[in-house]
PDB file of all heavy atoms in Angstrom:
ATOM      1  N   ILE A   1     -98.092  47.908  51.532  1.00  0.00           N
ATOM      2  CA  ILE A   1     -99.092  47.729  52.579  1.00  0.00           C
ATOM      3  C   ILE A   1     -98.387  47.574  53.917  1.00  0.00           C
ATOM      4  O   ILE A   1     -97.426  46.799  54.015  1.00  0.00           O
ATOM      5  CB  ILE A   1     -99.962  46.482  52.314  1.00  0.00           C
ATOM      6  CG1 ILE A   1    -100.664  46.577  50.959  1.00  0.00           C
ATOM      7  CG2 ILE A   1    -100.953  46.258  53.443  1.00  0.00           C
ATOM      8  CD1 ILE A   1    -101.299  45.254  50.516  1.00  0.00           C
ATOM      9  N   SER A   2     -98.882  48.266  54.923  1.00  0.00           N
ATOM     10  CA  SER A   2     -98.397  48.054  56.296  1.00  0.00           C
ATOM     11  C   SER A   2     -99.518  47.428  57.090  1.00  0.00           C
ATOM     12  O   SER A   2    -100.604  48.017  57.208  1.00  0.00           O
ATOM     13  CB  SER A   2     -97.951  49.377  56.933  1.00  0.00           C
ATOM     14  OG  SER A   2     -97.434  49.128  58.223  1.00  0.00           O
ATOM     15  N   VAL A   3     -99.298  46.246  57.606  1.00  0.00           N
ATOM     16  CA  VAL A   3    -100.320  45.525  58.370  1.00  0.00           C
ATOM     17  C   VAL A   3    -100.330  46.083  59.789  1.00  0.00           C
ATOM     18  O   VAL A   3     -99.290  46.230  60.409  1.00  0.00           O
ATOM     19  CB  VAL A   3    -100.021  44.000  58.366  1.00  0.00           C
ATOM     20  CG1 VAL A   3    -100.991  43.262  59.234  1.00  0.00           C
ATOM     21  CG2 VAL A   3    -100.071  43.475  56.947  1.00  0.00           C
ATOM     22  N   ARG A   4    -101.517  46.413  60.290  1.00  0.00           N
ATOM     23  CA  ARG A   4    -101.640  47.031  61.621  1.00  0.00           C
ATOM     24  C   ARG A   4    -102.227  46.095  62.672  1.00  0.00           C
ATOM     25  O   ARG A   4    -102.076  46.347  63.849  1.00  0.00           O
ATOM     26  CB  ARG A   4    -102.497  48.294  61.550  1.00  0.00           C
ATOM     27  CG  ARG A   4    -101.883  49.359  60.690  1.00  0.00           C
ATOM     28  CD  ARG A   4    -100.709  49.951  61.399  1.00  0.00           C
ATOM     29  NE  ARG A   4    -100.084  50.990  60.591  1.00  0.00           N
ATOM     30  CZ  ARG A   4     -98.797  51.210  60.574  1.00  0.00           C
ATOM     31  NH1 ARG A   4     -97.988  50.502  61.286  1.00  0.00           N
ATOM     32  NH2 ARG A   4     -98.308  52.166  59.814  1.00  0.00           N
ATOM     33  N   THR A   5    -102.933  45.046  62.255  1.00  0.00           N
ATOM     34  CA  THR A   5    -103.532  44.111  63.198  1.00  0.00           C
ATOM     35  C   THR A   5    -103.324  42.688  62.698  1.00  0.00           C
ATOM     36  O   THR A   5    -103.145  42.463  61.474  1.00  0.00           O
ATOM     37  CB  THR A   5    -105.044  44.364  63.389  1.00  0.00           C
ATOM     38  OG1 THR A   5    -105.701  44.159  62.146  1.00  0.00           O
ATOM     39  CG2 THR A   5    -105.316  45.789  63.893  1.00  0.00           C
ATOM     40  N   VAL A   6    -103.403  41.744  63.607  1.00  0.00           N
ATOM     41  CA  VAL A   6    -103.196  40.345  63.261  1.00  0.00           C
ATOM     42  C   VAL A   6    -104.241  39.872  62.249  1.00  0.00           C
ATOM     43  O   VAL A   6    -103.933  39.159  61.304  1.00  0.00           O
ATOM     44  CB  VAL A   6    -103.195  39.472  64.531  1.00  0.00           C
ATOM     45  CG1 VAL A   6    -103.107  37.989  64.191  1.00  0.00           C
ATOM     46  CG2 VAL A   6    -102.047  39.871  65.459  1.00  0.00           C
ATOM     47  N   ARG A   7    -105.491  40.305  62.432  1.00  0.00           N
ATOM     48  CA  ARG A   7    -106.579  39.846  61.534  1.00  0.00           C
ATOM     49  C   ARG A   7    -106.362  40.328  60.103  1.00  0.00           C
ATOM     50  O   ARG A   7    -106.961  39.792  59.185  1.00  0.00           O
ATOM     51  CB  ARG A   7    -107.931  40.317  62.057  1.00  0.00           C
ATOM     52  CG  ARG A   7    -108.151  41.802  61.950  1.00  0.00           C
ATOM     53  CD  ARG A   7    -109.494  42.252  62.517  1.00  0.00           C
ATOM     54  NE  ARG A   7    -109.544  43.675  62.687  1.00  0.00           N
ATOM     55  CZ  ARG A   7    -109.128  44.335  63.771  1.00  0.00           C
ATOM     56  NH1 ARG A   7    -108.663  43.677  64.797  1.00  0.00           N
ATOM     57  NH2 ARG A   7    -109.206  45.642  63.828  1.00  0.00           N
ATOM     58  N   ASP A   8    -105.509  41.316  59.891  1.00  0.00           N
ATOM     59  CA  ASP A   8    -105.286  41.869  58.555  1.00  0.00           C
ATOM     60  C   ASP A   8    -104.145  41.190  57.804  1.00  0.00           C
ATOM     61  O   ASP A   8    -103.889  41.519  56.635  1.00  0.00           O
ATOM     62  CB  ASP A   8    -105.018  43.371  58.635  1.00  0.00           C
ATOM     63  CG  ASP A   8    -106.241  44.156  59.090  1.00  0.00           C
ATOM     64  OD1 ASP A   8    -107.377  43.669  58.869  1.00  0.00           O
ATOM     65  OD2 ASP A   8    -106.067  45.247  59.661  1.00  0.00           O
ATOM     66  N   ILE A   9    -103.426  40.283  58.432  1.00  0.00           N
ATOM     67  CA  ILE A   9    -102.263  39.655  57.779  1.00  0.00           C
ATOM     68  C   ILE A   9    -102.697  38.898  56.513  1.00  0.00           C
ATOM     69  O   ILE A   9    -102.172  39.147  55.426  1.00  0.00           O
ATOM     70  CB  ILE A   9    -101.512  38.708  58.741  1.00  0.00           C
ATOM     71  CG1 ILE A   9    -100.870  39.508  59.882  1.00  0.00           C
ATOM     72  CG2 ILE A   9    -100.442  37.911  57.975  1.00  0.00           C
ATOM     73  CD1 ILE A   9    -100.255  38.639  60.966  1.00  0.00           C
ATOM     74  N   VAL A  10    -103.641  37.976  56.657  1.00  0.00           N
ATOM     75  CA  VAL A  10    -104.052  37.142  55.503  1.00  0.00           C
ATOM     76  C   VAL A  10    -104.660  37.999  54.405  1.00  0.00           C
ATOM     77  O   VAL A  10    -104.264  37.880  53.222  1.00  0.00           O
ATOM     78  CB  VAL A  10    -104.990  36.005  55.953  1.00  0.00           C
ATOM     79  CG1 VAL A  10    -105.596  35.289  54.758  1.00  0.00           C
ATOM     80  CG2 VAL A  10    -104.228  35.020  56.827  1.00  0.00           C
ATOM     81  N   PRO A  11    -105.626  38.897  54.693  1.00  0.00           N
ATOM     82  CA  PRO A  11    -106.187  39.727  53.604  1.00  0.00           C
ATOM     83  C   PRO A  11    -105.125  40.587  52.919  1.00  0.00           C
ATOM     84  O   PRO A  11    -105.155  40.769  51.698  1.00  0.00           O
ATOM     85  CB  PRO A  11    -107.233  40.576  54.297  1.00  0.00           C
ATOM     86  CG  PRO A  11    -107.604  39.858  55.535  1.00  0.00           C
ATOM     87  CD  PRO A  11    -106.378  39.106  55.951  1.00  0.00           C
ATOM     88  N   ALA A  12    -104.178  41.124  53.678  1.00  0.00           N
ATOM     89  CA  ALA A  12    -103.131  41.967  53.078  1.00  0.00           C
ATOM     90  C   ALA A  12    -102.246  41.147  52.157  1.00  0.00           C
ATOM     91  O   ALA A  12    -101.898  41.604  51.046  1.00  0.00           O
ATOM     92  CB  ALA A  12    -102.295  42.631  54.169  1.00  0.00           C
ATOM     93  N   LEU A  13    -101.866  39.957  52.581  1.00  0.00           N
ATOM     94  CA  LEU A  13    -101.023  39.102  51.727  1.00  0.00           C
ATOM     95  C   LEU A  13    -101.777  38.647  50.478  1.00  0.00           C
ATOM     96  O   LEU A  13    -101.211  38.638  49.382  1.00  0.00           O
ATOM     97  CB  LEU A  13    -100.512  37.914  52.513  1.00  0.00           C
ATOM     98  CG  LEU A  13     -99.487  38.232  53.611  1.00  0.00           C
ATOM     99  CD1 LEU A  13     -99.165  36.994  54.444  1.00  0.00           C
ATOM    100  CD2 LEU A  13     -98.238  38.827  53.001  1.00  0.00           C
ATOM    101  N   ARG A  14    -103.068  38.312  50.615  1.00  0.00           N
ATOM    102  CA  ARG A  14    -103.863  37.915  49.452  1.00  0.00           C
ATOM    103  C   ARG A  14    -103.976  39.074  48.461  1.00  0.00           C
ATOM    104  O   ARG A  14    -103.799  38.885  47.261  1.00  0.00           O
ATOM    105  CB  ARG A  14    -105.237  37.436  49.887  1.00  0.00           C
ATOM    106  CG  ARG A  14    -105.217  36.098  50.626  1.00  0.00           C
ATOM    107  CD  ARG A  14    -106.590  35.687  51.122  1.00  0.00           C
ATOM    108  NE  ARG A  14    -107.486  35.355  50.051  1.00  0.00           N
ATOM    109  CZ  ARG A  14    -107.598  34.160  49.479  1.00  0.00           C
ATOM    110  NH1 ARG A  14    -106.839  33.160  49.890  1.00  0.00           N
ATOM    111  NH2 ARG A  14    -108.455  33.952  48.507  1.00  0.00           N
ATOM    112  N   LYS A  15    -104.243  40.286  48.976  1.00  0.00           N
ATOM    113  CA  LYS A  15    -104.353  41.459  48.113  1.00  0.00           C
ATOM    114  C   LYS A  15    -103.032  41.717  47.404  1.00  0.00           C
ATOM    115  O   LYS A  15    -102.996  42.011  46.198  1.00  0.00           O
ATOM    116  CB  LYS A  15    -104.765  42.681  48.931  1.00  0.00           C
ATOM    117  CG  LYS A  15    -104.824  43.938  48.121  1.00  0.00           C
ATOM    118  CD  LYS A  15    -105.120  45.165  48.960  1.00  0.00           C
ATOM    119  CE  LYS A  15    -105.051  46.398  48.086  1.00  0.00           C
ATOM    120  NZ  LYS A  15    -104.990  47.631  48.844  1.00  0.00           N
ATOM    121  N   ALA A  16    -101.924  41.610  48.127  1.00  0.00           N
ATOM    122  CA  ALA A  16    -100.622  41.875  47.552  1.00  0.00           C
ATOM    123  C   ALA A  16    -100.297  40.883  46.445  1.00  0.00           C
ATOM    124  O   ALA A  16     -99.785  41.256  45.373  1.00  0.00           O
ATOM    125  CB  ALA A  16     -99.544  41.837  48.634  1.00  0.00           C
ATOM    126  N   ILE A  17    -100.594  39.615  46.667  1.00  0.00           N
ATOM    127  CA  ILE A  17    -100.309  38.571  45.669  1.00  0.00           C
ATOM    128  C   ILE A  17    -101.118  38.815  44.395  1.00  0.00           C
ATOM    129  O   ILE A  17    -100.587  38.730  43.283  1.00  0.00           O
ATOM    130  CB  ILE A  17    -100.540  37.172  46.251  1.00  0.00           C
ATOM    131  CG1 ILE A  17     -99.476  36.862  47.312  1.00  0.00           C
ATOM    132  CG2 ILE A  17    -100.561  36.115  45.154  1.00  0.00           C
ATOM    133  CD1 ILE A  17     -99.778  35.651  48.160  1.00  0.00           C
ATOM    134  N   VAL A  18    -102.388  39.123  44.554  1.00  0.00           N
ATOM    135  CA  VAL A  18    -103.239  39.402  43.389  1.00  0.00           C
ATOM    136  C   VAL A  18    -102.701  40.625  42.639  1.00  0.00           C
ATOM    137  O   VAL A  18    -102.582  40.614  41.416  1.00  0.00           O
ATOM    138  CB  VAL A  18    -104.711  39.612  43.814  1.00  0.00           C
ATOM    139  CG1 VAL A  18    -105.535  40.190  42.675  1.00  0.00           C
ATOM    140  CG2 VAL A  18    -105.313  38.294  44.280  1.00  0.00           C
ATOM    141  N   THR A  19    -102.344  41.669  43.376  1.00  0.00           N
ATOM    142  CA  THR A  19    -101.848  42.895  42.750  1.00  0.00           C
ATOM    143  C   THR A  19    -100.541  42.631  42.002  1.00  0.00           C
ATOM    144  O   THR A  19    -100.333  43.162  40.893  1.00  0.00           O
ATOM    145  CB  THR A  19    -101.621  43.986  43.814  1.00  0.00           C
ATOM    146  OG1 THR A  19    -102.868  44.235  44.481  1.00  0.00           O
ATOM    147  CG2 THR A  19    -101.106  45.268  43.206  1.00  0.00           C
ATOM    148  N   ALA A  20     -99.642  41.823  42.560  1.00  0.00           N
ATOM    149  CA  ALA A  20     -98.365  41.525  41.917  1.00  0.00           C
ATOM    150  C   ALA A  20     -98.561  40.840  40.572  1.00  0.00           C
ATOM    151  O   ALA A  20     -97.781  41.044  39.652  1.00  0.00           O
ATOM    152  CB  ALA A  20     -97.492  40.675  42.826  1.00  0.00           C
ATOM    153  N   GLN A  21     -99.619  40.021  40.459  1.00  0.00           N
ATOM    154  CA  GLN A  21     -99.832  39.243  39.248  1.00  0.00           C
ATOM    155  C   GLN A  21    -100.823  39.869  38.275  1.00  0.00           C
ATOM    156  O   GLN A  21    -100.877  39.489  37.125  1.00  0.00           O
ATOM    157  CB  GLN A  21    -100.314  37.851  39.629  1.00  0.00           C
ATOM    158  CG  GLN A  21     -99.264  37.068  40.398  1.00  0.00           C
ATOM    159  CD  GLN A  21     -99.770  35.730  40.873  1.00  0.00           C
ATOM    160  OE1 GLN A  21    -100.894  35.630  41.370  1.00  0.00           O
ATOM    161  NE2 GLN A  21     -98.963  34.699  40.714  1.00  0.00           N
ATOM    162  N   LEU A  22    -101.600  40.848  38.735  1.00  0.00           N
ATOM    163  CA  LEU A  22    -102.653  41.446  37.923  1.00  0.00           C
ATOM    164  C   LEU A  22    -102.089  42.421  36.891  1.00  0.00           C
ATOM    165  O   LEU A  22    -101.182  43.177  37.190  1.00  0.00           O
ATOM    166  CB  LEU A  22    -103.636  42.181  38.848  1.00  0.00           C
ATOM    167  CG  LEU A  22    -104.996  42.574  38.264  1.00  0.00           C
ATOM    168  CD1 LEU A  22    -105.786  41.327  37.883  1.00  0.00           C
ATOM    169  CD2 LEU A  22    -105.752  43.400  39.285  1.00  0.00           C
ATOM    170  N   GLY A  23    -102.627  42.392  35.696  1.00  0.00           N
ATOM    171  CA  GLY A  23    -102.166  43.313  34.641  1.00  0.00           C
ATOM    172  C   GLY A  23    -100.707  43.091  34.358  1.00  0.00           C
ATOM    173  O   GLY A  23    -100.258  41.973  34.129  1.00  0.00           O
ATOM    174  N   THR A  24     -99.936  44.165  34.360  1.00  0.00           N
ATOM    175  CA  THR A  24     -98.501  44.046  34.181  1.00  0.00           C
ATOM    176  C   THR A  24     -97.925  43.569  35.515  1.00  0.00           C
ATOM    177  O   THR A  24     -98.031  44.272  36.507  1.00  0.00           O
ATOM    178  CB  THR A  24     -97.867  45.418  33.806  1.00  0.00           C
ATOM    179  OG1 THR A  24     -98.463  45.879  32.607  1.00  0.00           O
ATOM    180  CG2 THR A  24     -96.365  45.289  33.636  1.00  0.00           C
ATOM    181  N   PRO A  25     -97.326  42.393  35.539  1.00  0.00           N
ATOM    182  CA  PRO A  25     -96.797  41.891  36.807  1.00  0.00           C
ATOM    183  C   PRO A  25     -95.695  42.791  37.357  1.00  0.00           C
ATOM    184  O   PRO A  25     -95.030  43.502  36.615  1.00  0.00           O
ATOM    185  CB  PRO A  25     -96.233  40.502  36.420  1.00  0.00           C
ATOM    186  CG  PRO A  25     -96.865  40.159  35.136  1.00  0.00           C
ATOM    187  CD  PRO A  25     -97.150  41.459  34.436  1.00  0.00           C
ATOM    188  N   GLY A  26     -95.499  42.736  38.660  1.00  0.00           N
ATOM    189  CA  GLY A  26     -94.463  43.535  39.278  1.00  0.00           C
ATOM    190  C   GLY A  26     -94.365  43.270  40.771  1.00  0.00           C
ATOM    191  O   GLY A  26     -95.136  42.493  41.339  1.00  0.00           O
ATOM    192  N   PRO A  27     -93.428  43.945  41.431  1.00  0.00           N
ATOM    193  CA  PRO A  27     -93.232  43.735  42.849  1.00  0.00           C
ATOM    194  C   PRO A  27     -94.261  44.441  43.727  1.00  0.00           C
ATOM    195  O   PRO A  27     -94.831  45.474  43.321  1.00  0.00           O
ATOM    196  CB  PRO A  27     -91.831  44.305  43.096  1.00  0.00           C
ATOM    197  CG  PRO A  27     -91.656  45.325  42.031  1.00  0.00           C
ATOM    198  CD  PRO A  27     -92.441  44.844  40.850  1.00  0.00           C
ATOM    199  N   VAL A  28     -94.499  43.891  44.890  1.00  0.00           N
ATOM    200  CA  VAL A  28     -95.352  44.495  45.922  1.00  0.00           C
ATOM    201  C   VAL A  28     -94.593  44.349  47.250  1.00  0.00           C
ATOM    202  O   VAL A  28     -93.766  43.474  47.411  1.00  0.00           O
ATOM    203  CB  VAL A  28     -96.732  43.815  46.016  1.00  0.00           C
ATOM    204  CG1 VAL A  28     -97.557  44.074  44.762  1.00  0.00           C
ATOM    205  CG2 VAL A  28     -96.624  42.335  46.296  1.00  0.00           C
ATOM    206  N   PHE A  29     -94.910  45.249  48.183  1.00  0.00           N
ATOM    207  CA  PHE A  29     -94.244  45.228  49.494  1.00  0.00           C
ATOM    208  C   PHE A  29     -95.284  45.164  50.592  1.00  0.00           C
ATOM    209  O   PHE A  29     -96.234  45.940  50.592  1.00  0.00           O
ATOM    210  CB  PHE A  29     -93.362  46.473  49.651  1.00  0.00           C
ATOM    211  CG  PHE A  29     -92.701  46.583  50.996  1.00  0.00           C
ATOM    212  CD1 PHE A  29     -91.790  45.644  51.421  1.00  0.00           C
ATOM    213  CD2 PHE A  29     -93.004  47.631  51.854  1.00  0.00           C
ATOM    214  CE1 PHE A  29     -91.170  45.748  52.670  1.00  0.00           C
ATOM    215  CE2 PHE A  29     -92.401  47.752  53.091  1.00  0.00           C
ATOM    216  CZ  PHE A  29     -91.480  46.799  53.489  1.00  0.00           C
ATOM    217  N   VAL A  30     -95.092  44.238  51.517  1.00  0.00           N
ATOM    218  CA  VAL A  30     -95.947  44.145  52.711  1.00  0.00           C
ATOM    219  C   VAL A  30     -95.054  44.236  53.944  1.00  0.00           C
ATOM    220  O   VAL A  30     -94.133  43.449  54.112  1.00  0.00           O
ATOM    221  CB  VAL A  30     -96.748  42.828  52.733  1.00  0.00           C
ATOM    222  CG1 VAL A  30     -97.577  42.727  54.022  1.00  0.00           C
ATOM    223  CG2 VAL A  30     -97.664  42.729  51.507  1.00  0.00           C
TER     224      VAL A  30
END
């Protein structure tokens, strides 16, 4: 994920954390 605006920082990090732990765990990049 590439964050483009300040308001998107928290939602992007929340989405990335959920994705990293969902199903088969793995790395995510923000």
